[in-house]
Amino acid sequence: QVHLEESGGGLVQPGGSLRLSCAASENIFRYTMAWYRLAPGKERELVATITNDGRAWYKDFAKGRFTISRDNAQNMLYLEMNTLKPEDTASYYCHAESLATLVDFWGPGTQVTVSS
């Protein structure tokens, strides 16, 4: 099974930017990758997903502000977040779904706090 580890979270002012990274323990070419987030008092929600050949899809709140990308050779997933808003405050989770088995895996999460 693949192990995922997020990094790059932190405290940022409204309007600022952060780049989240997710390191996988094995080659991610056979996985559809995604970022989810969980905010206090809310349900976990999908942020963006990217196929193994690079096709990306975004939730409406992420369109135009967030960019998901992957480096299959380096086993890395990224989320570039710009023009951050206080409502983006959440724990962000890396997710991998096996194309072969549809079994999914989660990282432990990284906290993003947007506040002045």
C-alpha atoms as a PDB file:
ATOM      1  CA  GLN A   1       0.000   0.000   0.000  1.00  0.00           C
ATOM      2  CA  VAL A   2       1.113   3.539  -0.640  1.00  0.00           C
ATOM      3  CA  HIS A   3       1.982   5.846   2.238  1.00  0.00           C
ATOM      4  CA  LEU A   4       1.310   9.539   1.833  1.00  0.00           C
ATOM      5  CA  GLU A   5       2.794  12.470   3.721  1.00  0.00           C
ATOM      6  CA  GLU A   6       1.654  16.060   3.310  1.00  0.00           C
ATOM      7  CA  SER A   7       3.718  19.165   3.992  1.00  0.00           C
ATOM      8  CA  GLY A   8       3.581  22.882   3.346  1.00  0.00           C
ATOM      9  CA  GLY A   9       0.706  23.936   5.537  1.00  0.00           C
ATOM     10  CA  GLY A  10       0.879  26.891   7.880  1.00  0.00           C
ATOM     11  CA  LEU A  11      -0.491  30.268   8.804  1.00  0.00           C
ATOM     12  CA  VAL A  12      -1.009  32.753   6.000  1.00  0.00           C
ATOM     13  CA  GLN A  13      -2.762  36.096   5.723  1.00  0.00           C
ATOM     14  CA  PRO A  14      -5.854  36.519   3.570  1.00  0.00           C
ATOM     15  CA  GLY A  15      -4.813  36.987  -0.021  1.00  0.00           C
ATOM     16  CA  GLY A  16      -1.635  35.005   0.498  1.00  0.00           C
ATOM     17  CA  SER A  17      -0.411  31.805  -1.075  1.00  0.00           C
ATOM     18  CA  LEU A  18       0.732  28.375   0.004  1.00  0.00           C
ATOM     19  CA  ARG A  19       2.011  25.343  -1.819  1.00  0.00           C
ATOM     20  CA  LEU A  20       1.123  21.983  -0.343  1.00  0.00           C
ATOM     21  CA  SER A  21       3.140  18.919  -1.182  1.00  0.00           C
ATOM     22  CA  CYS A  22       2.383  15.240  -0.799  1.00  0.00           C
ATOM     23  CA  ALA A  23       5.160  12.671  -0.917  1.00  0.00           C
ATOM     24  CA  ALA A  24       4.189   9.106  -1.798  1.00  0.00           C
ATOM     25  CA  SER A  25       6.131   6.019  -0.792  1.00  0.00           C
ATOM     26  CA  GLU A  26       5.852   4.446  -4.225  1.00  0.00           C
ATOM     27  CA  ASN A  27       5.225   5.309  -7.833  1.00  0.00           C
ATOM     28  CA  ILE A  28       1.928   7.154  -8.152  1.00  0.00           C
ATOM     29  CA  PHE A  29       1.389   6.557 -11.846  1.00  0.00           C
ATOM     30  CA  ARG A  30      -1.186   3.884 -11.035  1.00  0.00           C
ATOM     31  CA  TYR A  31      -3.199   6.205  -8.832  1.00  0.00           C
ATOM     32  CA  THR A  32      -5.704   8.947  -9.300  1.00  0.00           C
ATOM     33  CA  MET A  33      -4.614  11.607  -6.846  1.00  0.00           C
ATOM     34  CA  ALA A  34      -6.619  14.260  -5.064  1.00  0.00           C
ATOM     35  CA  TRP A  35      -6.654  16.847  -2.321  1.00  0.00           C
ATOM     36  CA  TYR A  36      -9.456  16.985   0.232  1.00  0.00           C
ATOM     37  CA  ARG A  37     -10.013  19.319   3.134  1.00  0.00           C
ATOM     38  CA  LEU A  38     -11.787  19.203   6.456  1.00  0.00           C
ATOM     39  CA  ALA A  39     -12.784  22.347   8.288  1.00  0.00           C
ATOM     40  CA  PRO A  40     -14.104  22.481  11.862  1.00  0.00           C
ATOM     41  CA  GLY A  41     -17.822  21.822  11.949  1.00  0.00           C
ATOM     42  CA  LYS A  42     -17.954  20.851   8.299  1.00  0.00           C
ATOM     43  CA  GLU A  43     -17.830  17.654   6.300  1.00  0.00           C
ATOM     44  CA  ARG A  44     -14.746  16.624   4.422  1.00  0.00           C
ATOM     45  CA  GLU A  45     -14.849  17.966   0.879  1.00  0.00           C
ATOM     46  CA  LEU A  46     -12.981  17.331  -2.302  1.00  0.00           C
ATOM     47  CA  VAL A  47     -10.769  20.195  -3.433  1.00  0.00           C
ATOM     48  CA  ALA A  48      -9.293  18.909  -6.662  1.00  0.00           C
ATOM     49  CA  THR A  49      -8.364  15.702  -8.371  1.00  0.00           C
ATOM     50  CA  ILE A  50      -5.867  14.790 -11.068  1.00  0.00           C
ATOM     51  CA  THR A  51      -5.666  11.685 -13.215  1.00  0.00           C
ATOM     52  CA  ASN A  52      -2.461   9.792 -13.845  1.00  0.00           C
ATOM     53  CA  ASP A  53      -2.120  11.516 -17.211  1.00  0.00           C
ATOM     54  CA  GLY A  54      -2.561  14.970 -15.736  1.00  0.00           C
ATOM     55  CA  ARG A  55      -6.203  15.843 -16.268  1.00  0.00           C
ATOM     56  CA  ALA A  56      -7.396  18.033 -13.411  1.00  0.00           C
ATOM     57  CA  TRP A  57     -10.806  18.769 -11.981  1.00  0.00           C
ATOM     58  CA  TYR A  58     -11.660  21.363  -9.340  1.00  0.00           C
ATOM     59  CA  LYS A  59     -14.505  22.132  -7.006  1.00  0.00           C
ATOM     60  CA  ASP A  60     -16.027  25.506  -7.751  1.00  0.00           C
ATOM     61  CA  PHE A  61     -14.400  27.223  -4.778  1.00  0.00           C
ATOM     62  CA  ALA A  62     -10.970  26.141  -6.013  1.00  0.00           C
ATOM     63  CA  LYS A  63     -11.336  27.121  -9.655  1.00  0.00           C
ATOM     64  CA  GLY A  64      -9.072  30.001 -10.615  1.00  0.00           C
ATOM     65  CA  ARG A  65      -7.297  30.044  -7.247  1.00  0.00           C
ATOM     66  CA  PHE A  66      -5.895  26.537  -6.742  1.00  0.00           C
ATOM     67  CA  THR A  67      -3.780  24.414  -9.046  1.00  0.00           C
ATOM     68  CA  ILE A  68      -3.268  20.697  -8.581  1.00  0.00           C
ATOM     69  CA  SER A  69      -0.282  19.046 -10.190  1.00  0.00           C
ATOM     70  CA  ARG A  70       1.710  15.859  -9.963  1.00  0.00           C
ATOM     71  CA  ASP A  71       5.200  14.624 -10.695  1.00  0.00           C
ATOM     72  CA  ASN A  72       4.938  10.914 -11.303  1.00  0.00           C
ATOM     73  CA  ALA A  73       8.699  10.532 -11.608  1.00  0.00           C
ATOM     74  CA  GLN A  74       9.218  12.020  -8.147  1.00  0.00           C
ATOM     75  CA  ASN A  75       6.098  10.448  -6.605  1.00  0.00           C
ATOM     76  CA  MET A  76       4.819  13.880  -5.631  1.00  0.00           C
ATOM     77  CA  LEU A  77       1.468  15.638  -5.620  1.00  0.00           C
ATOM     78  CA  TYR A  78       1.095  19.385  -5.217  1.00  0.00           C
ATOM     79  CA  LEU A  79      -1.568  21.963  -4.525  1.00  0.00           C
ATOM     80  CA  GLU A  80      -0.756  25.572  -5.271  1.00  0.00           C
ATOM     81  CA  MET A  81      -3.197  27.821  -3.433  1.00  0.00           C
ATOM     82  CA  ASN A  82      -3.466  31.512  -4.206  1.00  0.00           C
ATOM     83  CA  THR A  83      -5.693  34.339  -3.030  1.00  0.00           C
ATOM     84  CA  LEU A  84      -6.422  32.413   0.123  1.00  0.00           C
ATOM     85  CA  LYS A  85      -9.480  33.276   2.163  1.00  0.00           C
ATOM     86  CA  PRO A  86     -10.318  32.667   5.827  1.00  0.00           C
ATOM     87  CA  GLU A  87     -12.860  30.084   4.703  1.00  0.00           C
ATOM     88  CA  ASP A  88     -10.006  28.044   3.211  1.00  0.00           C
ATOM     89  CA  THR A  89      -8.860  27.307   6.758  1.00  0.00           C
ATOM     90  CA  ALA A  90      -8.877  23.530   7.117  1.00  0.00           C
ATOM     91  CA  SER A  91      -6.784  20.425   7.352  1.00  0.00           C
ATOM     92  CA  TYR A  92      -5.786  19.387   3.851  1.00  0.00           C
ATOM     93  CA  TYR A  93      -5.398  15.732   2.984  1.00  0.00           C
ATOM     94  CA  CYS A  94      -3.651  13.953   0.168  1.00  0.00           C
ATOM     95  CA  HIS A  95      -5.625  11.071  -1.311  1.00  0.00           C
ATOM     96  CA  ALA A  96      -4.680   8.282  -3.697  1.00  0.00           C
ATOM     97  CA  GLU A  97      -7.042   5.835  -5.376  1.00  0.00           C
ATOM     98  CA  SER A  98      -5.619   2.776  -7.055  1.00  0.00           C
ATOM     99  CA  LEU A  99      -6.675   2.483 -10.686  1.00  0.00           C
ATOM    100  CA  ALA A 100      -6.492  -1.291 -10.436  1.00  0.00           C
ATOM    101  CA  THR A 101      -8.268  -1.995  -7.161  1.00  0.00           C
ATOM    102  CA  LEU A 102     -10.052   1.298  -6.331  1.00  0.00           C
ATOM    103  CA  VAL A 103      -8.622   0.987  -2.831  1.00  0.00           C
ATOM    104  CA  ASP A 104      -7.844   4.417  -1.470  1.00  0.00           C
ATOM    105  CA  PHE A 105      -5.219   5.808   0.830  1.00  0.00           C
ATOM    106  CA  TRP A 106      -4.939   8.964   2.910  1.00  0.00           C
ATOM    107  CA  GLY A 107      -2.187  11.071   4.333  1.00  0.00           C
ATOM    108  CA  PRO A 108      -2.351  12.376   7.912  1.00  0.00           C
ATOM    109  CA  GLY A 109      -3.093  15.922   6.750  1.00  0.00           C
ATOM    110  CA  THR A 110      -1.534  19.339   6.996  1.00  0.00           C
ATOM    111  CA  GLN A 111      -3.164  22.356   8.629  1.00  0.00           C
ATOM    112  CA  VAL A 112      -3.787  25.530   6.666  1.00  0.00           C
ATOM    113  CA  THR A 113      -4.897  28.583   8.603  1.00  0.00           C
ATOM    114  CA  VAL A 114      -5.826  31.782   6.807  1.00  0.00           C
ATOM    115  CA  SER A 115      -6.036  34.650   9.241  1.00  0.00           C
ATOM    116  CA  SER A 116      -4.836  38.181   9.737  1.00  0.00           C
END
